[in-house]
């Protein structure tokens, strides 16, 4: 039976989400983008969604990765690769080794 890649005993999902949120927030702030502006750039109706992600609650939907990457000034592949460390650490490990 398939289970989500973060739901193994080896990974603390909440800690990984908080780390992802901290990384995303750092990228956003380094570009001097407010949460409201970020919401507009990535096509989110409510800036509180940005706040929730940065607090480690939730995930960026995969169909939005490219928009997020461009808004944060990153190449999409590099953005997804880094995000994978937090969202899917087992797949990341298999593809790229320990992060």
C-alpha atoms as a PDB file:
ATOM      1  CA  UNK A   1       0.000   0.000   0.000  1.00  0.00           C
ATOM      2  CA  UNK A   2       1.278   3.446  -0.907  1.00  0.00           C
ATOM      3  CA  UNK A   3       1.809   6.001   1.801  1.00  0.00           C
ATOM      4  CA  UNK A   4       2.916   9.586   1.485  1.00  0.00           C
ATOM      5  CA  UNK A   5       6.733   9.816   1.289  1.00  0.00           C
ATOM      6  CA  UNK A   6       6.972  12.035   4.362  1.00  0.00           C
ATOM      7  CA  UNK A   7       4.913   9.781   6.562  1.00  0.00           C
ATOM      8  CA  UNK A   8       7.680   7.433   7.549  1.00  0.00           C
ATOM      9  CA  UNK A   9       9.232   7.333  10.983  1.00  0.00           C
ATOM     10  CA  UNK A  10      12.459   8.700   9.500  1.00  0.00           C
ATOM     11  CA  UNK A  11      10.954  12.121   8.734  1.00  0.00           C
ATOM     12  CA  UNK A  12       9.324  14.699  10.958  1.00  0.00           C
ATOM     13  CA  UNK A  13       6.762  16.117   8.532  1.00  0.00           C
ATOM     14  CA  UNK A  14       6.017  19.191  10.612  1.00  0.00           C
ATOM     15  CA  UNK A  15       9.696  20.043  10.986  1.00  0.00           C
ATOM     16  CA  UNK A  16      10.234  19.627   7.241  1.00  0.00           C
ATOM     17  CA  UNK A  17       7.258  21.862   6.479  1.00  0.00           C
ATOM     18  CA  UNK A  18       8.558  24.531   8.870  1.00  0.00           C
ATOM     19  CA  UNK A  19      11.967  24.376   7.185  1.00  0.00           C
ATOM     20  CA  UNK A  20      10.323  24.731   3.777  1.00  0.00           C
ATOM     21  CA  UNK A  21       8.318  27.676   5.052  1.00  0.00           C
ATOM     22  CA  UNK A  22      11.431  29.363   6.400  1.00  0.00           C
ATOM     23  CA  UNK A  23      13.204  28.852   3.071  1.00  0.00           C
ATOM     24  CA  UNK A  24      10.228  30.229   1.101  1.00  0.00           C
ATOM     25  CA  UNK A  25       9.915  33.222   3.408  1.00  0.00           C
ATOM     26  CA  UNK A  26      13.632  33.972   3.069  1.00  0.00           C
ATOM     27  CA  UNK A  27      13.377  33.902  -0.717  1.00  0.00           C
ATOM     28  CA  UNK A  28      10.315  36.150  -0.696  1.00  0.00           C
ATOM     29  CA  UNK A  29      11.842  38.641   1.715  1.00  0.00           C
ATOM     30  CA  UNK A  30      15.135  38.741  -0.205  1.00  0.00           C
ATOM     31  CA  UNK A  31      13.142  39.993  -3.190  1.00  0.00           C
ATOM     32  CA  UNK A  32      11.262  42.544  -1.041  1.00  0.00           C
ATOM     33  CA  UNK A  33       7.897  41.005  -1.889  1.00  0.00           C
ATOM     34  CA  UNK A  34       5.055  41.244   0.623  1.00  0.00           C
ATOM     35  CA  UNK A  35       2.780  38.292   1.270  1.00  0.00           C
ATOM     36  CA  UNK A  36      -0.020  40.116  -0.550  1.00  0.00           C
ATOM     37  CA  UNK A  37       2.197  40.733  -3.565  1.00  0.00           C
ATOM     38  CA  UNK A  38       3.315  37.100  -3.523  1.00  0.00           C
ATOM     39  CA  UNK A  39      -0.280  35.935  -3.498  1.00  0.00           C
ATOM     40  CA  UNK A  40      -0.947  38.047  -6.593  1.00  0.00           C
ATOM     41  CA  UNK A  41       2.189  36.792  -8.346  1.00  0.00           C
ATOM     42  CA  UNK A  42       1.345  33.123  -7.821  1.00  0.00           C
ATOM     43  CA  UNK A  43      -2.393  33.435  -8.403  1.00  0.00           C
ATOM     44  CA  UNK A  44      -3.638  32.857  -4.858  1.00  0.00           C
ATOM     45  CA  UNK A  45      -6.817  34.608  -3.765  1.00  0.00           C
ATOM     46  CA  UNK A  46      -5.775  35.113  -0.134  1.00  0.00           C
ATOM     47  CA  UNK A  47      -2.398  36.263   1.165  1.00  0.00           C
ATOM     48  CA  UNK A  48      -3.064  34.212   4.277  1.00  0.00           C
ATOM     49  CA  UNK A  49      -2.235  31.134   2.185  1.00  0.00           C
ATOM     50  CA  UNK A  50       1.303  32.502   1.844  1.00  0.00           C
ATOM     51  CA  UNK A  51       1.426  33.048   5.598  1.00  0.00           C
ATOM     52  CA  UNK A  52       0.268  29.491   6.250  1.00  0.00           C
ATOM     53  CA  UNK A  53       2.935  28.018   3.964  1.00  0.00           C
ATOM     54  CA  UNK A  54       5.643  30.119   5.561  1.00  0.00           C
ATOM     55  CA  UNK A  55       4.522  28.886   8.981  1.00  0.00           C
ATOM     56  CA  UNK A  56       4.860  25.303   7.814  1.00  0.00           C
ATOM     57  CA  UNK A  57       1.190  24.558   7.350  1.00  0.00           C
ATOM     58  CA  UNK A  58       0.444  23.161   3.927  1.00  0.00           C
ATOM     59  CA  UNK A  59       2.314  22.706   0.668  1.00  0.00           C
ATOM     60  CA  UNK A  60       2.573  24.526  -2.603  1.00  0.00           C
ATOM     61  CA  UNK A  61       0.381  22.693  -5.116  1.00  0.00           C
ATOM     62  CA  UNK A  62       2.592  21.103  -7.813  1.00  0.00           C
ATOM     63  CA  UNK A  63       0.701  22.874 -10.587  1.00  0.00           C
ATOM     64  CA  UNK A  64       1.917  26.163  -9.082  1.00  0.00           C
ATOM     65  CA  UNK A  65       5.640  25.326  -8.765  1.00  0.00           C
ATOM     66  CA  UNK A  66       6.614  27.146 -11.934  1.00  0.00           C
ATOM     67  CA  UNK A  67       4.741  30.317 -10.969  1.00  0.00           C
ATOM     68  CA  UNK A  68       6.354  30.287  -7.542  1.00  0.00           C
ATOM     69  CA  UNK A  69       9.813  29.749  -9.022  1.00  0.00           C
ATOM     70  CA  UNK A  70       9.449  32.697 -11.376  1.00  0.00           C
ATOM     71  CA  UNK A  71       8.000  34.932  -8.659  1.00  0.00           C
ATOM     72  CA  UNK A  72      10.975  34.110  -6.430  1.00  0.00           C
ATOM     73  CA  UNK A  73      13.536  34.594  -9.190  1.00  0.00           C
ATOM     74  CA  UNK A  74      14.566  30.962  -9.510  1.00  0.00           C
ATOM     75  CA  UNK A  75      14.771  28.510 -12.351  1.00  0.00           C
ATOM     76  CA  UNK A  76      11.832  26.104 -11.966  1.00  0.00           C
ATOM     77  CA  UNK A  77      14.005  22.961 -11.884  1.00  0.00           C
ATOM     78  CA  UNK A  78      16.250  24.376  -9.150  1.00  0.00           C
ATOM     79  CA  UNK A  79      13.211  25.538  -7.184  1.00  0.00           C
ATOM     80  CA  UNK A  80      11.525  22.135  -7.361  1.00  0.00           C
ATOM     81  CA  UNK A  81      14.741  20.327  -6.504  1.00  0.00           C
ATOM     82  CA  UNK A  82      15.168  22.379  -3.335  1.00  0.00           C
ATOM     83  CA  UNK A  83      11.500  22.099  -2.434  1.00  0.00           C
ATOM     84  CA  UNK A  84      11.683  18.328  -2.858  1.00  0.00           C
ATOM     85  CA  UNK A  85      14.119  18.164   0.092  1.00  0.00           C
ATOM     86  CA  UNK A  86      11.236  19.223   2.308  1.00  0.00           C
ATOM     87  CA  UNK A  87       8.162  17.873   0.537  1.00  0.00           C
ATOM     88  CA  UNK A  88       9.476  14.496  -0.608  1.00  0.00           C
ATOM     89  CA  UNK A  89      12.776  13.744   1.132  1.00  0.00           C
ATOM     90  CA  UNK A  90      12.837  10.053   0.212  1.00  0.00           C
ATOM     91  CA  UNK A  91      12.563  10.731  -3.507  1.00  0.00           C
ATOM     92  CA  UNK A  92      15.133  13.512  -3.154  1.00  0.00           C
ATOM     93  CA  UNK A  93      17.538  11.112  -1.421  1.00  0.00           C
ATOM     94  CA  UNK A  94      17.123   8.478  -4.118  1.00  0.00           C
ATOM     95  CA  UNK A  95      17.646  10.950  -6.948  1.00  0.00           C
ATOM     96  CA  UNK A  96      20.330  13.210  -5.516  1.00  0.00           C
ATOM     97  CA  UNK A  97      21.788  11.545  -2.420  1.00  0.00           C
ATOM     98  CA  UNK A  98      21.673  13.093   1.035  1.00  0.00           C
ATOM     99  CA  UNK A  99      20.786  16.770   0.955  1.00  0.00           C
END
